[in-house]
N, C-alpha and C. Protein backbone atom coordinates (compact mmCIF):
# COMPACT_ATOMS: atom_id res chain seq x y z
N MET A 1 -12.23 -34.94 -27.50
CA MET A 1 -12.67 -34.54 -26.36
C MET A 1 -11.47 -33.84 -25.48
N ARG A 2 -10.34 -34.81 -25.51
CA ARG A 2 -9.19 -34.24 -24.72
C ARG A 2 -8.71 -32.95 -25.26
N LYS A 3 -8.88 -32.55 -26.61
CA LYS A 3 -8.39 -31.31 -26.95
C LYS A 3 -9.36 -30.18 -26.44
N LEU A 4 -10.58 -30.48 -26.13
CA LEU A 4 -11.38 -29.48 -25.53
C LEU A 4 -11.24 -29.43 -23.91
N LEU A 5 -10.98 -30.40 -23.41
CA LEU A 5 -10.79 -30.25 -22.09
C LEU A 5 -9.46 -29.44 -21.60
N LEU A 6 -8.40 -29.60 -22.33
CA LEU A 6 -7.07 -28.89 -22.06
C LEU A 6 -7.38 -27.37 -21.89
N PRO A 7 -7.95 -26.80 -23.02
CA PRO A 7 -8.22 -25.40 -22.96
C PRO A 7 -9.12 -24.99 -21.78
N LEU A 8 -10.22 -25.94 -21.48
CA LEU A 8 -10.96 -25.47 -20.45
C LEU A 8 -10.33 -25.37 -19.14
N PHE A 9 -9.37 -26.50 -19.10
CA PHE A 9 -8.84 -26.46 -17.74
C PHE A 9 -7.70 -25.31 -17.46
N VAL A 10 -7.09 -24.93 -18.63
CA VAL A 10 -6.17 -23.77 -18.55
C VAL A 10 -6.96 -22.47 -18.19
N VAL A 11 -8.20 -22.12 -18.77
CA VAL A 11 -9.11 -21.14 -18.32
C VAL A 11 -9.43 -21.22 -16.79
N LEU A 12 -9.83 -22.38 -16.52
CA LEU A 12 -10.31 -22.61 -15.08
C LEU A 12 -9.29 -22.42 -14.08
N ALA A 13 -8.07 -22.65 -14.50
CA ALA A 13 -6.93 -22.64 -13.58
C ALA A 13 -6.60 -21.26 -13.62
N ALA A 14 -6.64 -20.54 -14.61
CA ALA A 14 -6.23 -19.04 -14.67
C ALA A 14 -7.15 -18.32 -13.73
N ALA A 15 -8.58 -18.67 -13.83
CA ALA A 15 -9.52 -17.93 -13.04
C ALA A 15 -9.35 -18.24 -11.73
N ALA A 16 -9.04 -19.44 -11.25
CA ALA A 16 -8.77 -19.69 -9.85
C ALA A 16 -7.69 -19.07 -9.25
N HIS A 17 -6.63 -18.96 -10.18
CA HIS A 17 -5.49 -18.14 -9.98
C HIS A 17 -5.65 -16.66 -9.50
N ALA A 18 -6.59 -16.06 -10.36
CA ALA A 18 -7.03 -14.63 -10.24
C ALA A 18 -7.78 -14.50 -9.01
N ASP A 19 -8.70 -15.37 -8.84
CA ASP A 19 -9.39 -15.47 -7.44
C ASP A 19 -8.50 -15.56 -6.22
N ASP A 20 -7.51 -16.27 -6.22
CA ASP A 20 -6.64 -16.44 -5.17
C ASP A 20 -5.81 -15.02 -4.96
N LEU A 21 -5.47 -14.41 -6.16
CA LEU A 21 -4.89 -13.07 -5.82
C LEU A 21 -5.59 -12.05 -5.39
N LYS A 22 -7.02 -12.11 -5.81
CA LYS A 22 -7.98 -11.06 -5.28
C LYS A 22 -8.03 -11.15 -3.78
N LYS A 23 -8.08 -12.28 -3.39
CA LYS A 23 -8.05 -12.71 -1.81
C LYS A 23 -7.00 -12.24 -1.31
N VAL A 24 -5.70 -12.38 -1.79
CA VAL A 24 -4.44 -12.10 -1.17
C VAL A 24 -4.23 -10.65 -1.29
N VAL A 25 -4.73 -9.90 -2.17
CA VAL A 25 -4.63 -8.48 -2.27
C VAL A 25 -5.71 -7.65 -1.18
N ALA A 26 -6.99 -8.52 -1.23
CA ALA A 26 -7.94 -8.05 -0.24
C ALA A 26 -7.50 -8.07 0.99
N ASP A 27 -6.79 -9.29 1.55
CA ASP A 27 -6.13 -9.60 2.91
C ASP A 27 -5.18 -8.52 3.11
N HIS A 28 -4.10 -8.35 2.31
CA HIS A 28 -3.28 -7.27 2.50
C HIS A 28 -3.86 -5.81 2.63
N GLU A 29 -4.58 -5.46 1.89
CA GLU A 29 -5.16 -4.21 1.93
C GLU A 29 -5.97 -4.07 3.15
N ALA A 30 -6.88 -4.99 3.80
CA ALA A 30 -7.36 -4.90 5.08
C ALA A 30 -6.23 -4.88 6.19
N GLY A 31 -5.02 -5.66 6.06
CA GLY A 31 -4.15 -5.50 7.05
C GLY A 31 -3.41 -4.04 7.11
N PHE A 32 -3.33 -3.28 5.89
CA PHE A 32 -2.68 -2.09 5.61
C PHE A 32 -3.65 -1.19 6.27
N LYS A 33 -4.99 -1.28 6.08
CA LYS A 33 -5.66 -0.27 6.95
C LYS A 33 -5.83 -0.64 8.39
N LYS A 34 -5.76 -1.63 8.77
CA LYS A 34 -5.76 -2.16 10.33
C LYS A 34 -4.33 -1.48 10.73
N ALA A 35 -3.14 -1.64 10.18
CA ALA A 35 -1.99 -1.09 10.57
C ALA A 35 -1.87 0.22 10.68
N ILE A 36 -2.29 0.98 9.69
CA ILE A 36 -2.36 2.48 9.65
C ILE A 36 -3.17 2.86 10.98
N LEU A 37 -4.38 2.36 11.18
CA LEU A 37 -5.19 2.93 12.22
C LEU A 37 -4.65 2.73 13.78
N THR A 38 -3.96 1.52 13.66
CA THR A 38 -3.41 1.04 15.09
C THR A 38 -1.84 1.43 15.14
N LYS A 39 -1.43 2.06 14.10
CA LYS A 39 -0.07 2.37 14.04
C LYS A 39 1.07 1.32 14.44
N ASP A 40 0.76 0.22 13.74
CA ASP A 40 1.35 -0.88 13.86
C ASP A 40 2.75 -1.25 12.86
N VAL A 41 3.77 -0.75 13.21
CA VAL A 41 4.93 -0.60 12.44
C VAL A 41 5.48 -2.10 12.29
N LYS A 42 5.19 -3.04 13.18
CA LYS A 42 5.61 -4.37 12.97
C LYS A 42 4.89 -5.11 11.85
N TRP A 43 3.59 -4.70 11.56
CA TRP A 43 2.99 -5.31 10.30
C TRP A 43 3.95 -4.75 8.83
N PHE A 44 4.18 -3.38 8.99
CA PHE A 44 4.75 -3.02 7.73
C PHE A 44 6.26 -3.58 7.58
N ASP A 45 6.83 -3.81 8.87
CA ASP A 45 8.32 -4.60 8.92
C ASP A 45 8.12 -6.06 8.37
N MET A 46 7.16 -6.63 8.60
CA MET A 46 6.79 -8.01 8.28
C MET A 46 6.66 -8.07 6.70
N MET A 47 5.69 -7.03 6.33
CA MET A 47 5.35 -7.23 4.85
C MET A 47 6.33 -6.77 3.71
N ALA A 48 7.14 -5.87 4.40
CA ALA A 48 8.10 -5.16 3.39
C ALA A 48 9.24 -6.20 3.04
N ALA A 49 9.64 -6.38 1.76
CA ALA A 49 10.66 -7.31 1.55
C ALA A 49 12.02 -6.65 1.96
N PRO A 50 13.06 -7.14 2.04
CA PRO A 50 14.52 -6.89 2.34
C PRO A 50 14.80 -5.51 1.41
N ASP A 51 14.49 -5.84 0.14
CA ASP A 51 14.83 -4.75 -0.88
C ASP A 51 13.58 -3.66 -1.22
N TYR A 52 12.68 -3.60 -0.22
CA TYR A 52 11.58 -2.77 -0.38
C TYR A 52 12.03 -1.27 -0.57
N HIS A 53 11.36 -0.52 -1.33
CA HIS A 53 11.47 0.75 -1.77
C HIS A 53 10.35 1.54 -2.16
N GLU A 54 10.29 2.87 -1.97
CA GLU A 54 9.28 3.81 -2.34
C GLU A 54 9.70 4.66 -3.51
N VAL A 55 8.70 4.93 -4.32
CA VAL A 55 8.92 6.10 -5.21
C VAL A 55 8.00 7.03 -5.40
N ASP A 56 8.35 8.21 -5.00
CA ASP A 56 7.41 9.24 -4.85
C ASP A 56 7.06 9.99 -6.44
N THR A 57 6.08 10.80 -6.46
CA THR A 57 5.60 11.34 -7.85
C THR A 57 6.46 11.97 -8.40
N LYS A 58 7.66 12.43 -7.81
CA LYS A 58 8.80 13.14 -8.72
C LYS A 58 9.84 11.95 -9.04
N GLY A 59 9.71 10.88 -8.78
CA GLY A 59 10.68 9.81 -9.07
C GLY A 59 11.57 9.57 -8.10
N LYS A 60 11.45 10.20 -6.84
CA LYS A 60 12.50 10.07 -5.87
C LYS A 60 12.39 8.87 -5.25
N LYS A 61 13.54 7.99 -5.16
CA LYS A 61 13.53 6.56 -4.53
C LYS A 61 13.92 6.69 -3.11
N SER A 62 13.12 6.07 -2.16
CA SER A 62 13.63 5.89 -0.81
C SER A 62 13.69 4.46 -0.39
N ASP A 63 14.74 4.00 0.24
CA ASP A 63 14.94 2.62 0.69
C ASP A 63 14.24 2.27 1.83
N ARG A 64 14.27 0.99 2.15
CA ARG A 64 13.36 0.48 3.45
C ARG A 64 13.75 1.19 4.62
N ALA A 65 15.02 1.26 5.08
CA ALA A 65 15.32 1.72 6.28
C ALA A 65 14.74 3.25 6.34
N THR A 66 14.94 4.06 5.28
CA THR A 66 14.50 5.47 5.14
C THR A 66 13.09 5.29 5.42
N VAL A 67 12.16 4.62 4.64
CA VAL A 67 10.78 4.50 4.95
C VAL A 67 10.46 4.04 6.13
N MET A 68 11.09 3.19 6.70
CA MET A 68 10.46 2.71 8.15
C MET A 68 10.88 3.77 9.25
N ALA A 69 11.96 4.73 9.14
CA ALA A 69 12.14 5.65 9.98
C ALA A 69 11.17 6.71 9.60
N MET A 70 10.80 7.16 8.61
CA MET A 70 9.75 8.00 8.21
C MET A 70 8.57 7.63 8.96
N MET A 71 7.97 6.38 8.71
CA MET A 71 6.84 5.90 9.15
C MET A 71 6.69 5.93 10.56
N LYS A 72 7.81 5.66 11.50
CA LYS A 72 7.76 5.81 12.86
C LYS A 72 7.71 7.32 13.26
N GLN A 73 8.15 8.15 12.43
CA GLN A 73 8.12 9.57 12.84
C GLN A 73 6.58 9.88 12.65
N MET A 74 6.19 9.50 11.61
CA MET A 74 4.80 9.89 11.17
C MET A 74 3.78 9.39 12.13
N PHE A 75 3.91 8.20 12.65
CA PHE A 75 3.06 7.55 13.60
C PHE A 75 3.26 8.29 14.96
N GLN A 76 4.19 8.90 15.32
CA GLN A 76 4.21 9.71 16.51
C GLN A 76 3.63 10.90 16.30
N ALA A 77 3.71 11.53 15.03
CA ALA A 77 3.29 12.87 14.96
C ALA A 77 1.73 13.03 14.53
N SER A 78 1.30 11.87 14.10
CA SER A 78 -0.24 11.96 13.62
C SER A 78 -1.08 10.79 14.00
N SER A 79 -2.36 11.03 13.57
CA SER A 79 -3.42 9.94 13.92
C SER A 79 -4.35 9.91 12.96
N VAL A 80 -4.48 8.79 12.29
CA VAL A 80 -5.44 8.68 11.16
C VAL A 80 -6.82 8.15 11.73
N LYS A 81 -7.88 8.95 11.48
CA LYS A 81 -9.26 8.64 11.92
C LYS A 81 -10.06 7.91 11.01
N THR A 82 -9.88 8.08 9.60
CA THR A 82 -10.58 7.18 8.56
C THR A 82 -9.57 6.89 7.63
N ILE A 83 -9.78 5.71 6.90
CA ILE A 83 -9.07 5.34 5.78
C ILE A 83 -9.81 4.42 4.96
N THR A 84 -9.73 4.76 3.69
CA THR A 84 -10.43 3.76 2.74
C THR A 84 -9.20 3.42 1.60
N VAL A 85 -9.50 2.18 1.14
CA VAL A 85 -8.60 1.87 -0.03
C VAL A 85 -9.39 1.17 -1.08
N LYS A 86 -9.33 1.55 -2.28
CA LYS A 86 -9.98 0.93 -3.37
C LYS A 86 -9.02 0.30 -4.27
N VAL A 87 -9.17 -1.03 -4.47
CA VAL A 87 -8.39 -1.82 -5.38
C VAL A 87 -8.90 -1.50 -6.90
N ASN A 88 -8.17 -1.00 -7.83
CA ASN A 88 -8.48 -0.60 -9.04
C ASN A 88 -8.21 -1.81 -10.22
N LYS A 89 -7.19 -2.37 -10.01
CA LYS A 89 -6.51 -3.39 -11.02
C LYS A 89 -5.56 -4.29 -10.35
N ILE A 90 -5.61 -5.58 -10.64
CA ILE A 90 -4.68 -6.39 -10.20
C ILE A 90 -4.11 -7.12 -11.53
N THR A 91 -2.87 -7.22 -11.61
CA THR A 91 -2.17 -7.75 -12.82
C THR A 91 -1.10 -8.65 -12.40
N PRO A 92 -1.51 -10.07 -12.61
CA PRO A 92 -0.30 -10.98 -12.19
C PRO A 92 0.90 -10.84 -13.02
N THR A 93 2.18 -11.10 -12.46
CA THR A 93 3.40 -10.95 -13.26
C THR A 93 4.02 -12.51 -12.90
N LYS A 94 5.02 -12.55 -13.78
CA LYS A 94 5.83 -13.81 -13.58
C LYS A 94 6.28 -14.15 -12.14
N THR A 95 6.69 -13.09 -11.42
CA THR A 95 7.08 -13.31 -10.06
C THR A 95 6.12 -12.67 -9.01
N GLY A 96 5.11 -12.48 -9.34
CA GLY A 96 4.12 -11.91 -8.38
C GLY A 96 2.93 -11.16 -8.75
N VAL A 97 2.51 -10.01 -8.35
CA VAL A 97 1.43 -9.26 -8.75
C VAL A 97 1.53 -7.70 -8.75
N VAL A 98 1.03 -7.03 -9.67
CA VAL A 98 0.95 -5.32 -9.56
C VAL A 98 -0.55 -5.13 -9.28
N VAL A 99 -0.59 -4.15 -8.36
CA VAL A 99 -1.81 -3.78 -7.84
C VAL A 99 -1.87 -2.19 -7.85
N LEU A 100 -2.93 -1.61 -8.64
CA LEU A 100 -3.23 -0.37 -8.51
C LEU A 100 -4.34 0.08 -7.51
N THR A 101 -3.86 0.90 -6.59
CA THR A 101 -4.93 1.37 -5.58
C THR A 101 -5.04 2.92 -5.36
N ASP A 102 -6.32 3.02 -4.87
CA ASP A 102 -6.56 4.54 -4.57
C ASP A 102 -6.71 4.51 -2.93
N CYS A 103 -6.16 5.40 -2.26
CA CYS A 103 -6.18 5.57 -0.79
C CYS A 103 -6.69 6.83 -0.28
N HIS A 104 -7.48 7.20 0.58
CA HIS A 104 -7.89 8.28 1.21
C HIS A 104 -7.83 8.06 2.58
N MET A 105 -7.21 8.99 3.32
CA MET A 105 -6.88 9.05 4.68
C MET A 105 -7.31 10.53 5.23
N VAL A 106 -7.90 10.41 6.48
CA VAL A 106 -8.06 11.75 7.09
C VAL A 106 -7.84 11.48 8.50
N GLY A 107 -6.94 12.55 8.99
CA GLY A 107 -6.60 12.42 10.45
C GLY A 107 -6.06 13.87 11.10
N THR A 108 -5.33 13.66 12.14
CA THR A 108 -4.65 14.67 12.63
C THR A 108 -3.09 14.86 12.67
N MET A 109 -2.40 15.83 12.56
CA MET A 109 -1.02 15.75 12.65
C MET A 109 -0.51 16.93 13.45
N VAL A 110 0.67 16.65 14.16
CA VAL A 110 1.09 17.74 14.95
C VAL A 110 2.36 18.25 14.15
N VAL A 111 2.21 19.65 13.48
CA VAL A 111 3.30 19.87 12.56
C VAL A 111 4.44 20.61 13.49
N ASP A 112 4.03 21.27 14.43
CA ASP A 112 5.02 21.93 15.23
C ASP A 112 4.47 21.61 16.74
N PRO A 113 5.65 20.79 17.26
CA PRO A 113 5.48 20.15 18.81
C PRO A 113 5.44 21.45 19.61
N LYS A 114 6.10 22.31 19.45
CA LYS A 114 6.06 23.46 20.43
C LYS A 114 4.58 24.16 20.43
N ALA A 115 3.94 24.20 19.34
CA ALA A 115 2.66 24.60 19.37
C ALA A 115 1.58 23.80 19.96
N LYS A 116 1.86 22.53 19.94
CA LYS A 116 1.07 21.24 20.53
C LYS A 116 -0.41 21.50 20.08
N LYS A 117 -0.49 22.14 18.72
CA LYS A 117 -1.84 22.11 18.21
C LYS A 117 -1.90 21.15 17.11
N SER A 118 -2.95 20.34 16.86
CA SER A 118 -3.00 19.37 15.74
C SER A 118 -3.73 20.15 14.42
N SER A 119 -3.18 19.72 13.59
CA SER A 119 -3.87 20.14 12.18
C SER A 119 -4.57 18.88 11.58
N THR A 120 -5.38 19.35 10.70
CA THR A 120 -6.10 18.04 10.02
C THR A 120 -5.62 17.97 8.66
N ILE A 121 -5.22 16.73 8.54
CA ILE A 121 -4.58 16.14 7.28
C ILE A 121 -5.68 15.41 6.54
N ASP A 122 -5.75 15.49 5.23
CA ASP A 122 -6.69 14.90 4.46
C ASP A 122 -5.87 14.71 3.02
N SER A 123 -5.58 13.34 2.79
CA SER A 123 -4.85 12.79 1.78
C SER A 123 -5.42 11.82 0.94
N THR A 124 -5.26 12.11 -0.34
CA THR A 124 -5.80 11.22 -1.48
C THR A 124 -4.71 10.70 -2.19
N GLN A 125 -4.34 9.59 -2.34
CA GLN A 125 -3.15 9.00 -3.24
C GLN A 125 -3.54 7.93 -4.10
N SER A 126 -2.76 7.83 -5.05
CA SER A 126 -3.01 6.58 -5.96
C SER A 126 -1.66 5.90 -6.03
N TYR A 127 -1.71 4.61 -5.85
CA TYR A 127 -0.34 3.97 -5.75
C TYR A 127 -0.23 2.63 -6.79
N GLN A 128 0.93 2.32 -7.09
CA GLN A 128 1.28 1.20 -7.70
C GLN A 128 2.00 0.40 -6.96
N GLU A 129 1.37 -0.92 -6.50
CA GLU A 129 2.09 -1.80 -5.56
C GLU A 129 2.59 -2.84 -6.26
N THR A 130 4.01 -3.41 -5.92
CA THR A 130 4.47 -4.57 -6.56
C THR A 130 4.86 -5.57 -5.47
N TRP A 131 4.07 -6.85 -5.45
CA TRP A 131 4.25 -7.84 -4.53
C TRP A 131 4.81 -9.06 -5.15
N VAL A 132 5.70 -9.77 -4.33
CA VAL A 132 6.28 -10.90 -4.83
C VAL A 132 6.05 -11.84 -3.64
N LYS A 133 6.09 -13.23 -4.21
CA LYS A 133 5.76 -14.29 -3.19
C LYS A 133 7.11 -14.90 -2.85
N LYS A 134 7.49 -14.84 -1.74
CA LYS A 134 8.87 -15.41 -1.40
C LYS A 134 8.59 -16.73 -0.42
N GLY A 135 8.66 -17.97 -1.01
CA GLY A 135 8.24 -19.10 -0.34
C GLY A 135 6.78 -19.08 -0.22
N ALA A 136 6.20 -19.10 0.94
CA ALA A 136 4.64 -18.99 1.26
C ALA A 136 4.16 -17.61 1.51
N LYS A 137 5.17 -16.76 1.59
CA LYS A 137 4.84 -15.32 2.06
C LYS A 137 4.73 -14.42 0.94
N TRP A 138 3.79 -13.49 0.97
CA TRP A 138 3.79 -12.45 0.13
C TRP A 138 4.47 -11.20 0.84
N GLN A 139 5.19 -10.73 -0.22
CA GLN A 139 6.04 -9.31 0.37
C GLN A 139 5.94 -8.16 -0.54
N ILE A 140 5.79 -7.06 -0.20
CA ILE A 140 5.86 -5.69 -1.15
C ILE A 140 7.36 -5.47 -1.31
N VAL A 141 7.54 -5.04 -2.45
CA VAL A 141 9.02 -4.81 -2.82
C VAL A 141 9.00 -3.26 -3.41
N GLU A 142 7.86 -2.86 -3.86
CA GLU A 142 7.75 -1.32 -4.26
C GLU A 142 6.43 -0.80 -4.19
N LEU A 143 6.55 0.41 -3.65
CA LEU A 143 5.19 1.28 -3.39
C LEU A 143 5.53 2.53 -4.44
N LYS A 144 4.97 2.66 -5.49
CA LYS A 144 5.15 3.89 -6.40
C LYS A 144 4.07 4.74 -6.19
N THR A 145 4.04 6.08 -5.78
CA THR A 145 3.02 7.05 -5.76
C THR A 145 2.89 7.69 -7.07
N LEU A 146 1.54 7.38 -7.47
CA LEU A 146 1.23 7.90 -8.89
C LEU A 146 0.73 9.32 -8.78
N LYS A 147 -0.22 9.48 -7.91
CA LYS A 147 -0.88 10.82 -7.68
C LYS A 147 -0.95 11.11 -6.16
N ASP A 148 -0.75 12.38 -5.75
CA ASP A 148 -0.80 12.67 -4.36
C ASP A 148 -1.54 14.06 -4.22
N LYS A 149 -2.55 14.14 -3.66
CA LYS A 149 -3.31 15.44 -3.20
C LYS A 149 -3.37 15.42 -1.58
N THR A 150 -2.47 15.93 -0.94
CA THR A 150 -2.45 16.08 0.51
C THR A 150 -2.65 17.59 0.96
N LEU A 151 -3.81 17.65 1.66
CA LEU A 151 -4.14 19.01 2.19
C LEU A 151 -3.86 19.02 3.85
N LEU A 152 -3.40 20.07 4.31
CA LEU A 152 -3.21 20.29 5.84
C LEU A 152 -3.91 21.71 6.17
N ASP A 153 -4.84 21.42 6.96
CA ASP A 153 -5.88 22.37 7.31
C ASP A 153 -6.29 23.15 5.96
N GLY A 154 -6.56 22.44 4.94
CA GLY A 154 -7.31 22.79 3.71
C GLY A 154 -6.25 23.53 2.63
N LYS A 155 -4.94 23.41 3.25
CA LYS A 155 -3.93 23.93 2.08
C LYS A 155 -3.14 22.84 1.57
N PRO A 156 -2.46 22.93 0.35
CA PRO A 156 -1.56 21.70 -0.18
C PRO A 156 -0.46 21.61 0.57
N PHE A 157 -0.18 20.47 0.93
CA PHE A 157 0.99 19.96 1.75
C PHE A 157 1.71 18.86 1.00
N SER A 158 3.05 18.78 1.21
CA SER A 158 3.77 17.85 0.65
C SER A 158 4.54 17.31 1.72
N MET A 159 4.55 15.90 1.91
CA MET A 159 5.33 15.28 2.92
C MET A 159 6.81 14.91 2.47
């Protein structure tokens, strides 16, 4: 009897852990969407680990300070009207979780401040997010852009 219960316990514990991760990921993606729509830099600052970095589709790595400065500029020059995030895969690791997501944002952006004319920006991206748990808090350590299709007034645009 004991030999049967142990494997069942292990399976149930793994399933419970996966459900917990699904909730953690869902909560973070909801927070991300809200922070983008409300231009909440503090949320990003709180969620990003001290060693946070981003990697673009060409492999260029940007450190936390650079990313935060770019985000502040982006929030000043643009406004997101709609955002959808789809979680495609959640993979637990020894130290955290890797999440694959698709994100679609539509909004406006002022490219030339002198012109004072807003352009429409439509961005579809796929990401690989690496999250770790530090104490009781989850933080993102890496955001890797896997695919990026961004259009500015219908024309390809690279940020």
